Amino acid sequence: MITVLEKPIPFGGGIELPPNKTLSLEQPLAKAKLPGLIKIPLRQHIGSPAKPIVKVGDTVLKGQLIAEAQGYISAPVHASTSGIVKEIAEHVMPNPSGAKSECIVIETDGKDVWVDRNPVDDYTSLSPVEVQQKIWQAGIVGLGGAGFPSAVKIIPGLTLDIELLILNAAECEPYISCDESLIRNYAKDVVTGIEVLAHALQVDECVIAIEENKTEAIEVLKEALEHYAEIEIKLVLISNLYPAGGEKQLIKSITGIEVPAEGLPVDVGIVVYNVGTTVAVKKAIIDDEPLISRIVTVTGPGINQACNLEVLFGTPINEIIEQCGGYNEQFEYLIMGGPMMGFRLHSDQVPLIKTTNCLLAAGSELHSSNIKESPCIRCDECAPVCPVNLQPQQLHWYAKEFNADRLHDYSLFDCIECGCCSYVCPSHIPLVDEFRRAKSHIWNKRRQQLEAVQNKKRYLQKQARIEQQKQEKINKRPAVIDEKADADLALKKKQDAIAAAVNRVKQKREEKDN
């Protein structure tokens, strides 16, 4: 039995950071302008990319399915507005490497015409399986940053005993305020969304976790729970300490339960959803609207007008920046995400995707890019701030040489890449970047090993088939020989019979002549 604590407990580690959220919350939430061209990537989530089901020249409507999910961990993709498919090709994506990915490019018609929809008034008329399927079909993925297909989280609830549903409204990283803006403007939808998820997961206990310094959002949530909640939903105020919104840290604070290393919340009977994802679920189930837009924070010292915008997926990021007044003289570079876990974009000529929660126009004070990295002085200041109790200093040494065995011993893959260790490092070592590279190196090596094993397996299977075919030919050969021998014998008998008949006729003629 999971007990929600009366007072949240510290999760261990973490750091205090200036929130810097007022900058973007001073302006009311607005809708981004409809672009002339949108590029919708087929991979906006963890897992396999979607497969196009439209072709160049097709007319599409807003919300229309344009690419189907491929595999268990995948998500379908929908047109974010109406228009004509102009191209299906690879384009540069918003990622750290600037790599390309296949996109469906739509020339918008300016009408923003919706595909036919079938709203549902009573979500309880749907079975949990039906809810799960509609979430899957709506292309919903985690909007907190990871992009994990949301329907997959419901599947364990159909077979396992899920005791607690946690709505993560803890937006702990500095500058990012899209979730707080969403709560202020869509609190009723937040409540309905969590009720839909509770129905799908068949849980009795639900919690909304939010940081105690979000006073306005807290009041709005309290009012929404009082007026609209049809089930019991607890509101729990947690610490402002970063990264309080980390999934495992949140569970530890609220319940005192530690999720096992390399384990998932479902392993301890808990499911966690981001507040933005929850509103997307409400729209999918009640309004029959797929996930085609999200709220994005556009902020930072390098932007002229910080704000939160509701933006269609595929909108060029440079057009979003222009709507916010463009860059100012302090601008140095653009970060997708926050200053702790975000990454620098190589260009703003890329589309906004499902996992884009923030566009941070950074100035010189955000990142000490001009400060030279120094060797590690073994001060060990990184260890106390690690929220998952790792030893970043040790990981640093082994990450430099890609020592997979030692990195495994020191639990590299438990690292949530929060950036606390990098933030406090007096030598300015980019520890998180090192850990990401090491993870990528290990994943690639494992993938190569797996491919080698699969290739060897395929080779051996092919050799076995060839050998089997040879053996079958050998086994069939005697039968073929016997058949030929029988045919030859029959022919010889026939020829002998004819010769004997000819001889008899010849003998009779000779006798007659004599």
Protein backbone atom coordinates (compact mmCIF):
# COMPACT_ATOMS: atom_id res chain seq x y z
CA MET A 1 0.00 0.00 0.00
CA ILE A 2 1.49 3.35 -1.09
CA THR A 3 1.08 6.21 1.37
CA VAL A 4 1.29 9.82 0.21
CA LEU A 5 3.26 11.64 2.88
CA GLU A 6 1.64 14.53 4.73
CA LYS A 7 4.81 16.55 4.22
CA PRO A 8 7.19 15.85 1.32
CA ILE A 9 10.69 14.78 2.30
CA PRO A 10 14.02 15.88 0.75
CA PHE A 11 15.14 13.69 -2.14
CA GLY A 12 18.86 14.22 -1.53
CA GLY A 13 21.24 16.29 -3.59
CA GLY A 14 20.08 19.11 -5.82
CA ILE A 15 20.90 22.82 -5.87
CA GLU A 16 19.13 26.13 -5.40
CA LEU A 17 18.81 28.11 -8.61
CA PRO A 18 17.25 31.49 -9.38
CA PRO A 19 13.92 30.71 -11.12
CA ASN A 20 13.94 33.58 -13.68
CA LYS A 21 10.36 32.73 -14.70
CA THR A 22 8.73 36.13 -14.17
CA LEU A 23 10.25 37.32 -17.42
CA SER A 24 8.00 35.08 -19.53
CA LEU A 25 4.95 35.05 -17.25
CA GLU A 26 4.40 38.81 -17.35
CA GLN A 27 2.77 38.50 -20.78
CA PRO A 28 -0.54 36.63 -21.28
CA LEU A 29 -0.51 33.33 -23.14
CA ALA A 30 -0.90 33.89 -26.90
CA LYS A 31 -1.21 31.77 -30.04
CA ALA A 32 1.66 31.82 -32.50
CA LYS A 33 0.93 33.07 -36.01
CA LEU A 34 0.12 30.52 -38.68
CA PRO A 35 3.29 29.99 -40.78
CA GLY A 36 3.30 29.75 -44.56
CA LEU A 37 5.23 26.48 -44.50
CA ILE A 38 5.49 23.81 -41.82
CA LYS A 39 7.97 20.94 -41.63
CA ILE A 40 6.60 18.07 -39.56
CA PRO A 41 9.30 15.55 -38.59
CA LEU A 42 8.38 11.86 -38.55
CA ARG A 43 10.49 11.35 -35.42
CA GLN A 44 9.43 13.65 -32.59
CA HIS A 45 9.61 11.05 -29.87
CA ILE A 46 11.68 8.26 -28.36
CA GLY A 47 11.51 5.15 -30.55
CA SER A 48 10.91 4.39 -34.22
CA PRO A 49 9.94 7.18 -36.64
CA ALA A 50 6.46 7.22 -38.11
CA LYS A 51 5.84 6.11 -41.73
CA PRO A 52 4.20 8.57 -44.18
CA ILE A 53 0.76 7.66 -45.54
CA VAL A 54 0.41 10.78 -47.70
CA LYS A 55 2.22 11.77 -50.87
CA VAL A 56 3.36 14.98 -52.50
CA GLY A 57 0.41 16.93 -53.86
CA ASP A 58 -2.12 15.60 -51.35
CA THR A 59 -4.45 18.07 -49.63
CA VAL A 60 -4.53 17.56 -45.86
CA LEU A 61 -6.69 18.92 -43.07
CA LYS A 62 -5.75 20.01 -39.58
CA GLY A 63 -5.56 16.97 -37.30
CA GLN A 64 -5.42 14.49 -40.20
CA LEU A 65 -3.21 11.44 -39.77
CA ILE A 66 -0.24 11.81 -42.14
CA ALA A 67 2.19 9.19 -40.76
CA GLU A 68 1.54 5.91 -38.94
CA ALA A 69 3.42 4.61 -35.90
CA GLN A 70 5.93 1.86 -36.57
CA GLY A 71 6.41 -0.60 -33.73
CA TYR A 72 5.63 -0.72 -30.03
CA ILE A 73 7.67 2.38 -29.08
CA SER A 74 6.50 4.86 -31.70
CA ALA A 75 3.82 7.49 -32.23
CA PRO A 76 1.69 8.59 -35.21
CA VAL A 77 2.03 12.09 -36.65
CA HIS A 78 -0.79 14.45 -37.69
CA ALA A 79 -1.02 17.58 -39.82
CA SER A 80 -0.92 20.62 -37.55
CA THR A 81 -2.90 22.72 -40.04
CA SER A 82 -4.58 22.42 -43.43
CA GLY A 83 -2.73 22.74 -46.73
CA ILE A 84 -0.94 20.83 -49.48
CA VAL A 85 1.94 18.37 -49.06
CA LYS A 86 4.83 19.97 -50.98
CA GLU A 87 7.66 17.62 -50.09
CA ILE A 88 8.63 14.52 -48.12
CA ALA A 89 12.37 14.77 -47.56
CA GLU A 90 15.12 15.06 -44.98
CA HIS A 91 15.64 18.39 -43.22
CA VAL A 92 17.86 19.57 -40.36
CA MET A 93 16.28 18.90 -36.98
CA PRO A 94 16.49 20.69 -33.60
CA ASN A 95 19.06 18.41 -31.99
CA PRO A 96 22.60 18.79 -30.58
CA SER A 97 24.27 17.37 -33.70
CA GLY A 98 22.24 19.20 -36.31
CA ALA A 99 21.42 15.86 -37.93
CA LYS A 100 18.70 15.54 -40.55
CA SER A 101 15.45 13.61 -40.33
CA GLU A 102 12.61 12.90 -42.73
CA CYS A 103 9.83 15.50 -42.68
CA ILE A 104 6.47 16.06 -44.33
CA VAL A 105 6.49 19.64 -45.58
CA ILE A 106 3.06 21.29 -45.87
CA GLU A 107 2.29 24.56 -47.59
CA THR A 108 -0.45 26.02 -45.40
CA ASP A 109 -3.65 27.36 -46.99
CA GLY A 110 -4.33 29.86 -44.22
CA LYS A 111 -7.76 28.35 -43.53
CA ASP A 112 -6.73 26.07 -40.65
CA VAL A 113 -9.62 23.70 -41.46
CA TRP A 114 -10.10 20.76 -39.09
CA VAL A 115 -10.68 17.16 -40.07
CA ASP A 116 -14.00 15.71 -38.85
CA ARG A 117 -14.02 15.07 -35.10
CA ASN A 118 -16.22 13.02 -32.77
CA PRO A 119 -16.17 14.51 -29.25
CA VAL A 120 -17.07 12.34 -26.25
CA ASP A 121 -19.07 13.84 -23.38
CA ASP A 122 -18.59 10.97 -20.94
CA TYR A 123 -15.09 9.45 -20.86
CA THR A 124 -16.29 6.74 -18.46
CA SER A 125 -18.31 5.26 -21.34
CA LEU A 126 -14.96 4.19 -22.78
CA SER A 127 -13.10 1.16 -21.47
CA PRO A 128 -9.48 1.55 -20.28
CA VAL A 129 -8.35 -0.24 -23.44
CA GLU A 130 -10.34 2.20 -25.61
CA VAL A 131 -8.80 5.16 -23.76
CA GLN A 132 -5.33 3.71 -24.26
CA GLN A 133 -5.97 3.21 -27.97
CA LYS A 134 -7.28 6.76 -28.46
CA ILE A 135 -4.22 8.18 -26.69
CA TRP A 136 -2.04 6.06 -28.98
CA GLN A 137 -3.92 7.21 -32.09
CA ALA A 138 -3.63 10.86 -31.01
CA GLY A 139 0.17 10.67 -31.16
CA ILE A 140 0.61 11.84 -27.58
CA VAL A 141 4.12 11.69 -26.13
CA GLY A 142 5.57 13.01 -22.88
CA LEU A 143 5.65 16.81 -23.07
CA GLY A 144 8.01 17.19 -20.14
CA GLY A 145 11.01 16.73 -22.41
CA ALA A 146 11.63 13.00 -22.87
CA GLY A 147 9.03 12.36 -25.57
CA PHE A 148 8.15 8.80 -24.50
CA PRO A 149 4.89 7.58 -26.14
CA SER A 150 2.24 8.17 -23.46
CA ALA A 151 -0.03 5.24 -24.33
CA VAL A 152 2.72 2.79 -23.40
CA LYS A 153 2.52 3.90 -19.77
CA ILE A 154 -1.14 2.82 -19.60
CA ILE A 155 -0.48 -0.73 -20.80
CA PRO A 156 0.89 -1.93 -17.40
CA GLY A 157 -2.24 -0.49 -15.77
CA LEU A 158 -4.34 -2.89 -17.83
CA THR A 159 -2.61 -5.89 -16.27
CA LEU A 160 -0.76 -4.70 -13.15
CA ASP A 161 -1.97 -3.12 -9.92
CA ILE A 162 -1.15 0.60 -10.23
CA GLU A 163 -1.78 2.26 -6.89
CA LEU A 164 -0.83 5.90 -7.46
CA LEU A 165 -1.03 8.40 -10.32
CA ILE A 166 1.18 11.48 -9.98
CA LEU A 167 0.69 14.58 -12.12
CA ASN A 168 4.04 16.31 -12.40
CA ALA A 169 3.48 20.08 -12.34
CA ALA A 170 6.94 20.74 -10.87
CA GLU A 171 8.69 22.84 -13.47
CA CYS A 172 11.98 23.11 -11.65
CA GLU A 173 14.43 24.25 -14.33
CA PRO A 174 15.10 28.01 -14.50
CA TYR A 175 13.43 30.18 -17.18
CA ILE A 176 10.91 27.50 -18.29
CA SER A 177 7.31 28.44 -17.46
CA CYS A 178 5.20 26.71 -20.14
CA ASP A 179 3.60 24.30 -17.64
CA GLU A 180 2.79 27.09 -15.20
CA SER A 181 1.23 29.10 -18.03
CA LEU A 182 -0.78 26.04 -19.06
CA ILE A 183 -2.10 25.58 -15.50
CA ARG A 184 -3.10 29.23 -15.25
CA ASN A 185 -5.05 29.03 -18.51
CA TYR A 186 -6.28 25.42 -18.67
CA ALA A 187 -6.75 24.33 -15.06
CA LYS A 188 -10.13 22.70 -15.79
CA ASP A 189 -8.56 20.63 -18.58
CA VAL A 190 -5.76 19.60 -16.19
CA VAL A 191 -8.34 18.21 -13.76
CA THR A 192 -10.32 16.43 -16.50
CA GLY A 193 -7.14 14.97 -17.99
CA ILE A 194 -6.02 13.45 -14.70
CA GLU A 195 -9.49 11.97 -14.20
CA VAL A 196 -9.32 10.34 -17.65
CA LEU A 197 -5.90 8.87 -16.85
CA ALA A 198 -7.12 7.64 -13.45
CA HIS A 199 -9.98 5.87 -15.25
CA ALA A 200 -7.60 4.30 -17.77
CA LEU A 201 -5.16 3.13 -15.09
CA GLN A 202 -7.93 2.13 -12.66
CA VAL A 203 -6.22 3.91 -9.76
CA ASP A 204 -7.93 5.21 -6.65
CA GLU A 205 -5.30 7.73 -5.55
CA CYS A 206 -4.18 10.75 -7.57
CA VAL A 207 -1.74 13.52 -6.67
CA ILE A 208 -0.82 16.79 -8.35
CA ALA A 209 2.70 17.79 -7.31
CA ILE A 210 3.72 21.41 -7.73
CA GLU A 211 6.49 23.59 -6.31
CA GLU A 212 5.49 25.72 -3.37
CA ASN A 213 6.66 28.99 -4.96
CA LYS A 214 4.11 28.82 -7.81
CA THR A 215 1.50 30.65 -5.76
CA GLU A 216 -0.79 31.80 -8.59
CA ALA A 217 -0.85 28.40 -10.27
CA ILE A 218 -1.54 26.75 -6.89
CA GLU A 219 -4.57 28.97 -6.29
CA VAL A 220 -5.91 28.30 -9.78
CA LEU A 221 -5.50 24.53 -9.26
CA LYS A 222 -7.24 24.65 -5.87
CA GLU A 223 -10.19 26.45 -7.42
CA ALA A 224 -10.38 24.00 -10.33
CA LEU A 225 -10.24 20.99 -8.00
CA GLU A 226 -13.00 22.45 -5.87
CA HIS A 227 -15.35 23.17 -8.78
CA TYR A 228 -14.62 20.46 -11.36
CA ALA A 229 -13.01 17.41 -9.75
CA GLU A 230 -15.30 14.37 -9.67
CA ILE A 231 -12.74 12.14 -7.96
CA GLU A 232 -10.43 12.82 -5.03
CA ILE A 233 -7.22 14.48 -6.18
CA LYS A 234 -4.63 15.64 -3.65
CA LEU A 235 -2.54 18.75 -4.20
CA VAL A 236 0.98 18.35 -2.78
CA LEU A 237 3.45 21.24 -2.51
CA ILE A 238 7.07 20.23 -2.96
CA SER A 239 10.46 21.90 -2.59
CA ASN A 240 11.77 24.48 -5.05
CA LEU A 241 15.13 22.74 -5.06
CA TYR A 242 16.36 21.71 -8.51
CA PRO A 243 15.69 19.01 -9.83
CA ALA A 244 12.57 18.48 -7.71
CA GLY A 245 10.61 17.68 -10.87
CA GLY A 246 12.73 14.66 -11.78
CA GLU A 247 10.48 11.60 -11.91
CA LYS A 248 12.35 9.51 -9.33
CA GLN A 249 13.04 12.53 -7.12
CA LEU A 250 9.35 13.42 -7.17
CA ILE A 251 8.32 9.92 -6.15
CA LYS A 252 10.88 9.89 -3.32
CA SER A 253 9.64 13.28 -2.03
CA ILE A 254 5.94 12.37 -2.12
CA THR A 255 5.98 8.73 -1.00
CA GLY A 256 9.42 8.04 0.44
CA ILE A 257 9.75 5.17 -2.05
CA GLU A 258 12.94 4.83 -4.08
CA VAL A 259 12.54 3.53 -7.61
CA PRO A 260 15.17 0.78 -8.20
CA ALA A 261 18.30 1.60 -10.17
CA GLU A 262 17.56 1.29 -13.89
CA GLY A 263 13.94 0.63 -12.87
CA LEU A 264 10.69 2.41 -13.73
CA PRO A 265 7.99 3.95 -11.51
CA VAL A 266 5.59 1.24 -12.64
CA ASP A 267 7.88 -1.26 -10.88
CA VAL A 268 6.70 0.20 -7.57
CA GLY A 269 3.06 0.66 -8.62
CA ILE A 270 3.29 4.34 -9.64
CA VAL A 271 2.72 6.16 -12.93
CA VAL A 272 3.83 9.76 -13.51
CA TYR A 273 2.54 12.11 -16.22
CA ASN A 274 3.54 15.66 -17.06
CA VAL A 275 0.85 18.33 -16.73
CA GLY A 276 1.08 19.20 -20.45
CA THR A 277 0.67 15.56 -21.41
CA THR A 278 -2.42 15.38 -19.21
CA VAL A 279 -4.11 18.25 -21.03
CA ALA A 280 -3.23 16.57 -24.35
CA VAL A 281 -4.98 13.43 -23.06
CA LYS A 282 -8.10 15.45 -22.24
CA LYS A 283 -8.14 16.93 -25.76
CA ALA A 284 -7.66 13.48 -27.32
CA ILE A 285 -10.38 11.70 -25.35
CA ILE A 286 -13.00 14.43 -24.83
CA ASP A 287 -12.45 16.66 -27.89
CA ASP A 288 -11.09 14.01 -30.30
CA GLU A 289 -8.09 16.21 -31.11
CA PRO A 290 -4.65 14.71 -31.75
CA LEU A 291 -1.46 16.28 -30.41
CA ILE A 292 -0.60 18.98 -32.96
CA SER A 293 0.56 21.91 -30.79
CA ARG A 294 2.01 22.80 -27.42
CA ILE A 295 2.83 25.77 -25.20
CA VAL A 296 6.45 26.91 -25.53
CA THR A 297 8.38 29.35 -23.37
CA VAL A 298 10.37 31.86 -25.42
CA THR A 299 12.66 33.68 -23.03
CA GLY A 300 16.17 34.66 -22.01
CA PRO A 301 18.29 37.81 -21.90
CA GLY A 302 18.77 37.67 -25.67
CA ILE A 303 15.10 37.99 -26.66
CA ASN A 304 13.19 41.27 -26.93
CA GLN A 305 9.80 40.07 -25.64
CA ALA A 306 9.76 36.96 -23.46
CA CYS A 307 6.42 35.14 -23.36
CA ASN A 308 4.62 31.82 -23.63
CA LEU A 309 3.13 30.89 -26.99
CA GLU A 310 0.86 28.07 -28.13
CA VAL A 311 2.62 26.87 -31.28
CA LEU A 312 1.75 24.37 -34.03
CA PHE A 313 4.30 21.58 -34.54
CA GLY A 314 6.44 22.15 -37.59
CA THR A 315 6.46 25.94 -37.21
CA PRO A 316 9.94 27.31 -38.05
CA ILE A 317 11.66 28.43 -34.85
CA ASN A 318 12.98 31.61 -36.49
CA GLU A 319 9.36 32.70 -37.10
CA ILE A 320 8.56 32.11 -33.43
CA ILE A 321 11.53 34.28 -32.46
CA GLU A 322 10.35 37.02 -34.84
CA GLN A 323 6.90 37.02 -33.19
CA CYS A 324 8.66 37.70 -29.88
CA GLY A 325 10.40 40.79 -31.24
CA GLY A 326 13.54 39.04 -32.42
CA TYR A 327 16.95 38.89 -30.77
CA ASN A 328 18.56 41.85 -28.99
CA GLU A 329 22.19 42.92 -28.59
CA GLN A 330 22.74 40.52 -25.66
CA PHE A 331 21.96 37.43 -27.76
CA GLU A 332 24.80 34.93 -28.22
CA TYR A 333 23.16 31.60 -29.06
CA LEU A 334 19.86 29.72 -28.85
CA ILE A 335 19.15 26.84 -26.48
CA MET A 336 16.30 24.37 -26.85
CA GLY A 337 15.25 23.61 -23.29
CA GLY A 338 16.54 25.22 -20.12
CA PRO A 339 20.04 26.31 -19.08
CA MET A 340 20.65 23.07 -17.17
CA MET A 341 19.36 20.28 -19.43
CA GLY A 342 18.91 22.06 -22.75
CA PHE A 343 21.27 22.01 -25.71
CA ARG A 344 22.57 24.62 -28.10
CA LEU A 345 20.92 24.76 -31.54
CA HIS A 346 23.15 25.13 -34.58
CA SER A 347 20.45 27.11 -36.36
CA ASP A 348 16.99 28.56 -35.76
CA GLN A 349 15.94 27.46 -39.27
CA VAL A 350 14.50 24.25 -37.80
CA PRO A 351 10.94 23.21 -36.90
CA LEU A 352 9.39 23.18 -33.47
CA ILE A 353 8.65 19.60 -32.32
CA LYS A 354 6.69 17.85 -29.57
CA THR A 355 9.58 17.91 -27.08
CA THR A 356 10.33 21.64 -27.48
CA ASN A 357 9.30 23.12 -24.12
CA CYS A 358 11.52 26.21 -24.21
CA LEU A 359 13.54 28.40 -26.58
CA LEU A 360 16.15 30.20 -24.53
CA ALA A 361 17.98 33.10 -26.16
CA ALA A 362 21.18 32.96 -24.13
CA GLY A 363 23.53 35.79 -23.28
CA SER A 364 27.05 35.62 -21.90
CA GLU A 365 25.85 35.38 -18.29
CA LEU A 366 24.00 32.08 -18.86
CA HIS A 367 26.90 29.91 -19.93
CA SER A 368 30.56 30.49 -19.24
CA SER A 369 31.52 29.44 -22.75
CA ASN A 370 34.55 31.74 -22.66
CA ILE A 371 35.90 30.19 -19.45
CA LYS A 372 38.56 27.58 -20.15
CA GLU A 373 38.12 24.11 -18.73
CA SER A 374 40.70 23.11 -16.12
CA PRO A 375 41.80 19.66 -14.95
CA CYS A 376 39.78 18.02 -12.18
CA ILE A 377 41.14 19.01 -8.74
CA ARG A 378 39.32 16.13 -7.00
CA CYS A 379 37.38 18.53 -4.77
CA ASP A 380 34.38 16.16 -4.85
CA GLU A 381 31.87 19.04 -4.80
CA CYS A 382 29.90 17.26 -7.51
CA ALA A 383 28.95 14.25 -5.38
CA PRO A 384 26.78 15.95 -2.70
CA VAL A 385 24.59 17.71 -5.29
CA CYS A 386 23.89 14.60 -7.38
CA PRO A 387 20.16 13.80 -6.90
CA VAL A 388 20.69 10.09 -7.64
CA ASN A 389 23.71 9.63 -5.35
CA LEU A 390 26.29 8.98 -8.06
CA GLN A 391 30.00 9.76 -8.01
CA PRO A 392 30.42 12.20 -10.94
CA GLN A 393 34.15 12.55 -10.29
CA GLN A 394 34.70 8.82 -10.83
CA LEU A 395 32.39 8.80 -13.82
CA HIS A 396 34.46 11.66 -15.26
CA TRP A 397 37.65 9.62 -15.31
CA TYR A 398 36.07 6.52 -16.81
CA ALA A 399 33.98 8.51 -19.31
CA LYS A 400 37.14 10.05 -20.79
CA GLU A 401 38.41 6.58 -21.73
CA PHE A 402 34.98 5.04 -22.41
CA ASN A 403 35.57 2.30 -19.85
CA ALA A 404 32.18 0.63 -20.15
CA ASP A 405 32.73 -1.87 -17.32
CA ARG A 406 33.71 0.76 -14.76
CA LEU A 407 31.01 3.15 -15.95
CA HIS A 408 28.51 0.36 -15.37
CA ASP A 409 29.97 -0.23 -11.90
CA TYR A 410 29.39 3.45 -11.10
CA SER A 411 25.82 3.38 -12.54
CA LEU A 412 26.28 5.77 -15.46
CA PHE A 413 22.83 5.00 -16.83
CA ASP A 414 21.18 6.13 -13.59
CA CYS A 415 22.39 9.67 -14.42
CA ILE A 416 19.39 11.88 -15.27
CA GLU A 417 21.65 14.51 -16.91
CA CYS A 418 20.30 17.26 -14.66
CA GLY A 419 23.55 19.26 -14.86
CA CYS A 420 23.99 19.83 -11.11
CA CYS A 421 27.53 18.44 -11.18
CA SER A 422 28.57 20.63 -14.11
CA TYR A 423 27.02 23.68 -12.43
CA VAL A 424 29.09 23.38 -9.23
CA CYS A 425 32.35 22.20 -10.83
CA PRO A 426 35.07 24.80 -10.06
CA SER A 427 37.12 23.48 -12.99
CA HIS A 428 34.24 24.13 -15.40
CA ILE A 429 34.33 20.57 -16.70
CA PRO A 430 31.28 19.82 -18.87
CA LEU A 431 30.54 16.64 -16.96
CA VAL A 432 27.06 16.06 -18.35
CA ASP A 433 28.34 16.38 -21.92
CA GLU A 434 30.98 13.75 -21.11
CA PHE A 435 28.35 11.43 -19.65
CA ARG A 436 26.09 11.87 -22.69
CA ARG A 437 28.97 11.04 -25.03
CA ALA A 438 29.86 7.99 -22.94
CA LYS A 439 26.25 6.77 -22.98
CA SER A 440 26.07 7.28 -26.73
CA HIS A 441 29.37 5.43 -27.21
CA ILE A 442 28.16 2.48 -25.12
CA TRP A 443 24.78 2.40 -26.87
CA ASN A 444 26.45 2.43 -30.28
CA LYS A 445 28.86 -0.33 -29.24
CA ARG A 446 25.99 -2.43 -27.89
CA ARG A 447 24.04 -1.82 -31.09
CA GLN A 448 27.04 -2.88 -33.19
CA GLN A 449 27.48 -6.00 -31.05
CA LEU A 450 23.80 -6.81 -31.38
CA GLU A 451 23.96 -6.28 -35.14
CA ALA A 452 27.04 -8.53 -35.30
CA VAL A 453 25.22 -11.26 -33.36
CA GLN A 454 22.17 -10.90 -35.60
CA ASN A 455 24.32 -10.96 -38.73
CA LYS A 456 26.11 -14.08 -37.52
CA LYS A 457 22.77 -15.69 -36.69
CA ARG A 458 21.45 -14.85 -40.17
CA TYR A 459 24.68 -16.21 -41.76
CA LEU A 460 24.45 -19.47 -39.81
CA GLN A 461 20.77 -19.81 -40.70
CA LYS A 462 21.61 -19.26 -44.38
CA GLN A 463 24.40 -21.86 -44.23
CA ALA A 464 22.02 -24.27 -42.54
CA ARG A 465 19.44 -23.74 -45.30
CA ILE A 466 22.06 -24.31 -48.01
CA GLU A 467 23.25 -27.49 -46.29
CA GLN A 468 19.66 -28.66 -45.90
CA GLN A 469 18.97 -28.06 -49.59
CA LYS A 470 22.11 -30.01 -50.51
CA GLN A 471 21.02 -32.89 -48.30
CA GLU A 472 17.56 -32.88 -49.81
CA LYS A 473 19.09 -33.12 -53.29
CA ILE A 474 21.25 -36.04 -52.17
CA ASN A 475 18.25 -37.76 -50.62
CA LYS A 476 16.23 -37.29 -53.80
CA ARG A 477 19.02 -38.46 -56.18
CA PRO A 478 18.57 -42.28 -55.74
CA ALA A 479 14.90 -41.98 -56.48
CA VAL A 480 15.69 -40.08 -59.65
CA ILE A 481 18.24 -42.74 -60.67
CA ASP A 482 15.77 -45.55 -59.98
CA GLU A 483 13.12 -43.84 -62.04
CA LYS A 484 15.56 -43.46 -64.95
CA ALA A 485 16.66 -47.08 -64.65
CA ASP A 486 13.05 -48.26 -64.70
CA ALA A 487 12.36 -46.14 -67.76
CA ASP A 488 15.46 -47.51 -69.50
CA LEU A 489 14.48 -51.09 -68.62
CA ALA A 490 10.95 -50.57 -69.91
CA LEU A 491 12.32 -49.09 -73.13
CA LYS A 492 14.73 -52.00 -73.55
CA LYS A 493 11.92 -54.53 -73.02
CA LYS A 494 9.82 -52.75 -75.60
CA GLN A 495 12.70 -52.68 -78.05
CA ASP A 496 13.40 -56.40 -77.39
CA ALA A 497 9.74 -57.23 -77.95
CA ILE A 498 9.73 -55.34 -81.26
CA ALA A 499 12.96 -57.03 -82.35
CA ALA A 500 11.54 -60.44 -81.45
CA ALA A 501 8.39 -59.72 -83.45
CA VAL A 502 10.43 -58.59 -86.43
CA ASN A 503 12.49 -61.79 -86.20
CA ARG A 504 9.37 -63.94 -86.13
CA VAL A 505 7.97 -62.24 -89.19
CA LYS A 506 11.33 -62.64 -90.95
CA GLN A 507 11.49 -66.34 -90.07
CA LYS A 508 7.96 -66.96 -91.38
CA ARG A 509 8.82 -65.30 -94.69
CA GLU A 510 11.97 -67.37 -95.01
CA GLU A 511 10.01 -70.58 -94.29
CA LYS A 512 7.39 -69.64 -96.88
CA ASP A 513 10.02 -68.94 -99.52
CA ASN A 514 11.62 -72.27 -98.90
